[in-house]
C-alpha atoms as a PDB file:
ATOM      1  CA  MET A   1      13.878  17.591   3.980  1.00  0.00           C
ATOM      2  CA  ILE A   2      12.537  18.968   0.649  1.00  0.00           C
ATOM      3  CA  VAL A   3       9.887  16.733  -0.886  1.00  0.00           C
ATOM      4  CA  SER A   4       7.218  17.079  -3.468  1.00  0.00           C
ATOM      5  CA  LYS A   5       3.974  15.210  -3.675  1.00  0.00           C
ATOM      6  CA  PRO A   6       4.737  11.613  -4.743  1.00  0.00           C
ATOM      7  CA  THR A   7       3.662  10.640  -8.208  1.00  0.00           C
ATOM      8  CA  PRO A   8       1.826   7.319  -8.650  1.00  0.00           C
ATOM      9  CA  ARG A   9       4.205   5.133 -10.738  1.00  0.00           C
ATOM     10  CA  LYS A  10       2.987   1.507 -10.633  1.00  0.00           C
ATOM     11  CA  ILE A  11       0.231  -0.818  -9.651  1.00  0.00           C
ATOM     12  CA  ASN A  12       0.922  -3.074  -6.652  1.00  0.00           C
ATOM     13  CA  LYS A  13      -0.258  -6.656  -6.264  1.00  0.00           C
ATOM     14  CA  ASN A  14      -3.548  -5.439  -4.694  1.00  0.00           C
ATOM     15  CA  GLY A  15      -4.376  -3.426  -7.804  1.00  0.00           C
ATOM     16  CA  GLN A  16      -3.748  -0.077  -6.068  1.00  0.00           C
ATOM     17  CA  LYS A  17      -1.395   2.629  -7.221  1.00  0.00           C
ATOM     18  CA  SER A  18       1.793   2.734  -5.244  1.00  0.00           C
ATOM     19  CA  ALA A  19       2.934   6.282  -4.485  1.00  0.00           C
ATOM     20  CA  THR A  20       6.698   6.429  -5.171  1.00  0.00           C
ATOM     21  CA  ALA A  21       8.771   9.400  -6.154  1.00  0.00           C
ATOM     22  CA  GLU A  22      12.407  10.062  -7.146  1.00  0.00           C
ATOM     23  CA  PHE A  23      14.829  11.765  -4.815  1.00  0.00           C
ATOM     24  CA  VAL A  24      18.509  12.818  -4.579  1.00  0.00           C
ATOM     25  CA  GLY A  25      20.414  12.544  -1.349  1.00  0.00           C
ATOM     26  CA  THR A  26      24.007  12.312  -0.040  1.00  0.00           C
ATOM     27  CA  PHE A  27      25.352  10.211   2.786  1.00  0.00           C
ATOM     28  CA  LEU A  28      28.676   9.002   4.236  1.00  0.00           C
ATOM     29  CA  LYS A  29      29.423   5.350   3.386  1.00  0.00           C
ATOM     30  CA  ALA A  30      30.916   2.951   5.963  1.00  0.00           C
ATOM     31  CA  ASN A  31      34.309   3.214   4.199  1.00  0.00           C
ATOM     32  CA  GLY A  32      34.304   7.007   4.615  1.00  0.00           C
ATOM     33  CA  GLU A  33      33.416   7.786   0.970  1.00  0.00           C
ATOM     34  CA  VAL A  34      30.691  10.378   0.294  1.00  0.00           C
ATOM     35  CA  ARG A  35      27.939   9.025  -1.948  1.00  0.00           C
ATOM     36  CA  THR A  36      25.259  10.964  -3.725  1.00  0.00           C
ATOM     37  CA  MET A  37      22.389   8.784  -4.897  1.00  0.00           C
ATOM     38  CA  HIS A  38      19.452   9.355  -7.241  1.00  0.00           C
ATOM     39  CA  PHE A  39      16.848   6.889  -5.906  1.00  0.00           C
ATOM     40  CA  ALA A  40      13.151   6.064  -5.933  1.00  0.00           C
ATOM     41  CA  THR A  41      11.082   5.195  -2.865  1.00  0.00           C
ATOM     42  CA  SER A  42       8.021   6.507  -0.999  1.00  0.00           C
ATOM     43  CA  GLU A  43       7.936   9.785   0.939  1.00  0.00           C
ATOM     44  CA  LYS A  44       6.533   7.874   3.951  1.00  0.00           C
ATOM     45  CA  LYS A  45       9.530   5.503   3.932  1.00  0.00           C
ATOM     46  CA  ILE A  46      12.006   8.420   3.812  1.00  0.00           C
ATOM     47  CA  SER A  47      10.352  10.212   6.702  1.00  0.00           C
ATOM     48  CA  SER A  48      10.333   7.108   8.851  1.00  0.00           C
ATOM     49  CA  HIS A  49      14.007   6.307   8.221  1.00  0.00           C
ATOM     50  CA  ILE A  50      15.108   9.910   8.801  1.00  0.00           C
ATOM     51  CA  ALA A  51      13.215  10.026  12.112  1.00  0.00           C
ATOM     52  CA  ASN A  52      14.757   6.717  13.224  1.00  0.00           C
ATOM     53  CA  GLY A  53      18.219   7.294  11.704  1.00  0.00           C
ATOM     54  CA  THR A  54      18.273   3.906  10.031  1.00  0.00           C
ATOM     55  CA  MET A  55      19.323   2.457   6.697  1.00  0.00           C
ATOM     56  CA  ALA A  56      16.728   1.833   3.933  1.00  0.00           C
ATOM     57  CA  THR A  57      16.677  -0.288   0.828  1.00  0.00           C
ATOM     58  CA  VAL A  58      15.821   2.012  -2.135  1.00  0.00           C
ATOM     59  CA  PHE A  59      15.906   1.689  -5.888  1.00  0.00           C
ATOM     60  CA  ASP A  60      19.030   3.327  -7.317  1.00  0.00           C
ATOM     61  CA  VAL A  61      17.837   4.994 -10.547  1.00  0.00           C
ATOM     62  CA  GLU A  62      21.329   5.291 -12.070  1.00  0.00           C
ATOM     63  CA  LYS A  63      22.524   1.773 -11.280  1.00  0.00           C
ATOM     64  CA  LYS A  64      19.091   0.317 -11.886  1.00  0.00           C
ATOM     65  CA  GLY A  65      19.038  -1.877  -8.820  1.00  0.00           C
ATOM     66  CA  LEU A  66      18.359  -2.009  -5.077  1.00  0.00           C
ATOM     67  CA  ARG A  67      20.884  -0.236  -2.815  1.00  0.00           C
ATOM     68  CA  LYS A  68      21.055   0.844   0.831  1.00  0.00           C
ATOM     69  CA  PHE A  69      20.797   4.503   1.785  1.00  0.00           C
ATOM     70  CA  ASN A  70      22.138   5.297   5.245  1.00  0.00           C
ATOM     71  CA  PHE A  71      19.864   8.001   6.709  1.00  0.00           C
ATOM     72  CA  ALA A  72      21.910   8.022   9.906  1.00  0.00           C
ATOM     73  CA  LYS A  73      24.899   9.371   8.019  1.00  0.00           C
ATOM     74  CA  MET A  74      22.912  11.684   5.693  1.00  0.00           C
ATOM     75  CA  ILE A  75      24.639  14.873   4.579  1.00  0.00           C
ATOM     76  CA  GLY A  76      22.407  17.861   3.929  1.00  0.00           C
ATOM     77  CA  THR A  77      18.839  17.294   2.796  1.00  0.00           C
ATOM     78  CA  ILE A  78      16.866  14.914   0.552  1.00  0.00           C
ATOM     79  CA  ALA A  79      15.564  16.708  -2.564  1.00  0.00           C
ATOM     80  CA  ALA A  80      12.653  15.501  -4.661  1.00  0.00           C
ATOM     81  CA  VAL A  81      13.288  15.220  -8.403  1.00  0.00           C
ATOM     82  CA  ASN A  82      10.314  16.563 -10.422  1.00  0.00           C
END
């Protein structure tokens, strides 16, 4: 996994900065289609889902909405977008 240091982007409900960053990754969808997604989430969340091989809800930057990224079917690596 290639990641850069997350950049604080917003203030959460507790008044603290939430460390999110943008990434690009590719995975195999349930229907067999290959999907490359440009998404925003935290580095901690990505590390956890890769280790467990689970799906995660992330913010799809291109479609401007929440989507699922299947880390169990990930192809290649996750790259941070600077």
